[in-house]
Amino acid sequence: MATFLAKCGMDRDELAREYLQTVAQAGFKGNALPAKEVEVLDSIQLKCQIPLCESYGERRVCPPHLPPLETFRRALLDYETVFVLSMEVAVAEIRGHEPELRLDDFVRQSEGWALGKGCYWAFGLGGGSCYRCKSCNMSIPCPHPFLPRPSPEGLGIDITHLSRAAGYPINWPPGERVNYFGLFFL
């Protein structure tokens, strides 16, 4: 079975070079890894519940409102490349959820970029939950259905491990600077 990227009609390396230029122009860092390096682990998604994240069950892009992990694991087999996106911010400069929203917006723009290249299946994961509204009112349709993206952790991806594999140093607890990470799959 051919992967989606093989159906795109562009050379994988050429596509990756072009995308990484787009990443840099937007002020982010990015490194490509084989998508097969992405592990989906139940124990990572469990961290959404223990200790209980304030967004668990309260946001549409957080568990338990996401696809089952087994479905996500199988879907990732169709992808060749994952780009680990990084944005470093000084703690003193963080204003609310601005970094997460900026990363989320870039991931969504990346999907549009890929669509323009004929790669209609590309998708991205943002950094954290959706913070576009003060809270999700689950009793009405989402007012921004095409904007938010789930976090890697919400889908069981150990973003710390994957980011280190991509060459980004991560320290726990963070120091004076914090890295925000997202993923983009082709």
Protein backbone atom coordinates (compact mmCIF):
# COMPACT_ATOMS: atom_id res chain seq x y z
CA MET A 1 0.00 0.00 0.00
CA ALA A 2 1.39 3.39 -0.97
CA THR A 3 1.63 6.02 1.70
CA PHE A 4 -0.14 9.32 1.19
CA LEU A 5 3.13 11.09 0.44
CA ALA A 6 3.81 8.77 -2.49
CA LYS A 7 0.48 9.94 -3.97
CA CYS A 8 1.36 13.62 -3.69
CA GLY A 9 3.37 13.80 -6.89
CA MET A 10 6.32 15.67 -5.35
CA ASP A 11 9.68 14.38 -4.27
CA ARG A 12 9.63 13.82 -0.50
CA ASP A 13 12.97 15.56 0.09
CA GLU A 14 11.97 18.53 -2.05
CA LEU A 15 8.68 18.84 -0.19
CA ALA A 16 10.45 18.64 3.18
CA ARG A 17 13.00 21.31 2.19
CA GLU A 18 10.25 23.63 1.01
CA TYR A 19 8.18 23.09 4.15
CA LEU A 20 11.15 23.68 6.48
CA GLN A 21 11.76 27.00 4.69
CA THR A 22 8.13 27.90 5.39
CA VAL A 23 8.63 26.94 9.04
CA ALA A 24 11.71 29.16 9.38
CA GLN A 25 10.02 32.11 7.62
CA ALA A 26 7.19 31.89 10.15
CA GLY A 27 9.65 32.12 13.04
CA PHE A 28 9.51 28.49 14.12
CA LYS A 29 12.08 25.72 14.15
CA GLY A 30 11.34 22.38 12.54
CA ASN A 31 12.97 19.00 12.10
CA ALA A 32 11.70 16.03 10.14
CA LEU A 33 11.58 12.50 11.49
CA PRO A 34 10.21 9.29 10.02
CA ALA A 35 6.58 9.04 11.13
CA LYS A 36 7.24 5.47 12.28
CA GLU A 37 9.17 6.99 15.21
CA VAL A 38 5.91 8.35 16.65
CA GLU A 39 4.72 6.09 19.44
CA VAL A 40 1.14 6.33 20.64
CA LEU A 41 1.09 5.34 24.30
CA ASP A 42 -1.88 4.91 26.60
CA SER A 43 0.30 6.04 29.50
CA ILE A 44 0.84 9.47 27.90
CA GLN A 45 -2.88 10.08 27.40
CA LEU A 46 -3.39 8.95 31.00
CA LYS A 47 -1.43 12.07 32.05
CA CYS A 48 -4.52 14.04 30.94
CA GLN A 49 -6.34 12.40 33.85
CA ILE A 50 -3.63 11.86 36.48
CA PRO A 51 -3.28 14.48 37.77
CA LEU A 52 -6.50 15.74 36.19
CA CYS A 53 -5.88 18.40 33.55
CA GLU A 54 -8.34 21.29 33.75
CA SER A 55 -9.22 20.72 30.08
CA TYR A 56 -9.95 16.99 30.35
CA GLY A 57 -13.55 16.46 29.26
CA GLU A 58 -14.06 20.23 29.11
CA ARG A 59 -12.64 20.94 25.64
CA ARG A 60 -13.60 19.34 22.34
CA VAL A 61 -9.96 18.79 21.37
CA CYS A 62 -9.12 16.95 24.59
CA PRO A 63 -9.80 13.43 25.80
CA PRO A 64 -12.26 11.80 26.01
CA HIS A 65 -13.55 13.68 22.92
CA LEU A 66 -10.71 12.47 20.66
CA PRO A 67 -10.50 9.36 18.46
CA PRO A 68 -9.59 6.13 20.28
CA LEU A 69 -5.82 5.67 20.51
CA GLU A 70 -5.96 2.42 18.52
CA THR A 71 -7.66 4.22 15.63
CA PHE A 72 -5.02 6.95 15.76
CA ARG A 73 -2.18 4.37 15.87
CA ARG A 74 -3.50 2.66 12.74
CA ALA A 75 -4.00 5.96 10.92
CA LEU A 76 -0.37 6.98 11.51
CA LEU A 77 0.80 3.97 9.49
CA ASP A 78 -0.27 5.88 6.36
CA TYR A 79 2.20 8.71 7.02
CA GLU A 80 5.91 8.84 6.15
CA THR A 81 7.13 12.02 7.77
CA VAL A 82 6.42 14.00 10.90
CA PHE A 83 7.79 17.49 11.39
CA VAL A 84 8.46 18.43 14.99
CA LEU A 85 7.77 22.16 15.26
CA SER A 86 9.29 24.23 18.03
CA MET A 87 8.75 27.71 19.33
CA GLU A 88 10.84 28.97 22.23
CA VAL A 89 9.43 31.74 24.43
CA ALA A 90 10.87 33.50 27.45
CA VAL A 91 8.67 32.82 30.48
CA ALA A 92 8.55 36.57 31.20
CA GLU A 93 7.05 37.18 27.72
CA ILE A 94 4.21 34.65 27.96
CA ARG A 95 0.81 36.33 27.88
CA GLY A 96 -2.08 33.96 28.54
CA HIS A 97 -2.32 31.24 25.93
CA GLU A 98 -0.79 33.31 23.12
CA PRO A 99 2.02 30.81 22.34
CA GLU A 100 -0.39 27.87 22.06
CA LEU A 101 -2.70 29.85 19.80
CA ARG A 102 0.18 30.97 17.58
CA LEU A 103 1.42 27.39 17.23
CA ASP A 104 -2.13 26.15 16.58
CA ASP A 105 -2.57 28.78 13.85
CA PHE A 106 0.71 27.80 12.20
CA VAL A 107 -0.20 24.11 12.24
CA ARG A 108 -3.52 24.95 10.57
CA GLN A 109 -1.73 27.14 7.99
CA SER A 110 0.64 24.22 7.36
CA GLU A 111 -2.33 22.06 6.47
CA GLY A 112 -3.40 24.72 3.94
CA TRP A 113 0.14 24.85 2.55
CA ALA A 114 0.11 21.07 2.07
CA LEU A 115 -3.32 21.16 0.45
CA GLY A 116 -1.92 23.66 -2.07
CA LYS A 117 0.74 21.06 -2.93
CA GLY A 118 -1.88 18.36 -3.45
CA CYS A 119 -1.22 16.74 -0.07
CA TYR A 120 -4.84 16.79 1.08
CA TRP A 121 -4.35 14.27 3.92
CA ALA A 122 -1.74 16.26 5.89
CA PHE A 123 -2.68 17.17 9.43
CA GLY A 124 -1.15 18.81 12.45
CA LEU A 125 -1.34 18.77 16.21
CA GLY A 126 -0.99 21.95 18.22
CA GLY A 127 0.44 22.81 21.59
CA GLY A 128 -2.07 22.29 24.36
CA SER A 129 -5.82 22.56 24.39
CA CYS A 130 -7.99 25.06 22.52
CA TYR A 131 -8.17 28.42 24.25
CA ARG A 132 -10.11 30.40 21.64
CA CYS A 133 -13.14 30.61 23.92
CA LYS A 134 -13.08 31.06 27.67
CA SER A 135 -14.68 27.62 27.92
CA CYS A 136 -16.25 25.07 25.59
CA ASN A 137 -20.01 25.08 25.71
CA MET A 138 -20.64 21.47 24.79
CA SER A 139 -24.39 22.08 24.40
CA ILE A 140 -23.93 24.17 21.22
CA PRO A 141 -21.83 23.69 18.07
CA CYS A 142 -18.27 24.97 18.26
CA PRO A 143 -18.07 28.58 17.00
CA HIS A 144 -14.57 27.85 15.60
CA PRO A 145 -14.79 24.27 14.26
CA PHE A 146 -11.89 24.58 11.80
CA LEU A 147 -9.40 26.36 14.08
CA PRO A 148 -8.42 24.17 17.04
CA ARG A 149 -6.12 21.15 16.84
CA PRO A 150 -5.60 18.50 19.52
CA SER A 151 -2.33 18.29 21.39
CA PRO A 152 0.07 15.41 20.76
CA GLU A 153 -0.28 14.30 24.38
CA GLY A 154 -4.07 14.11 24.10
CA LEU A 155 -3.55 11.51 21.37
CA GLY A 156 -0.96 9.58 23.39
CA ILE A 157 2.24 10.99 21.85
CA ASP A 158 5.20 11.53 24.16
CA ILE A 159 6.15 14.95 22.80
CA THR A 160 9.12 15.22 25.15
CA HIS A 161 10.68 12.01 23.80
CA LEU A 162 9.86 12.89 20.18
CA SER A 163 11.21 16.43 20.53
CA ARG A 164 14.45 15.16 22.02
CA ALA A 165 14.72 12.68 19.11
CA ALA A 166 14.36 15.68 16.77
CA GLY A 167 17.29 17.39 18.51
CA TYR A 168 15.50 19.82 20.80
CA PRO A 169 16.69 19.96 24.41
CA ILE A 170 13.86 19.89 26.91
CA ASN A 171 14.33 20.43 30.60
CA TRP A 172 11.80 19.55 33.27
CA PRO A 173 10.97 21.76 35.00
CA PRO A 174 11.47 24.52 32.41
CA GLY A 175 13.85 27.34 33.20
CA GLU A 176 13.59 30.91 31.98
CA ARG A 177 12.55 29.79 28.49
CA VAL A 178 9.81 27.38 27.50
CA ASN A 179 9.56 25.36 24.30
CA TYR A 180 6.14 24.84 22.76
CA PHE A 181 5.89 21.91 20.38
CA GLY A 182 3.53 20.88 17.64
CA LEU A 183 3.56 18.16 15.01
CA PHE A 184 2.80 18.17 11.29
CA PHE A 185 2.26 14.87 9.47
CA LEU A 186 2.84 14.29 5.75
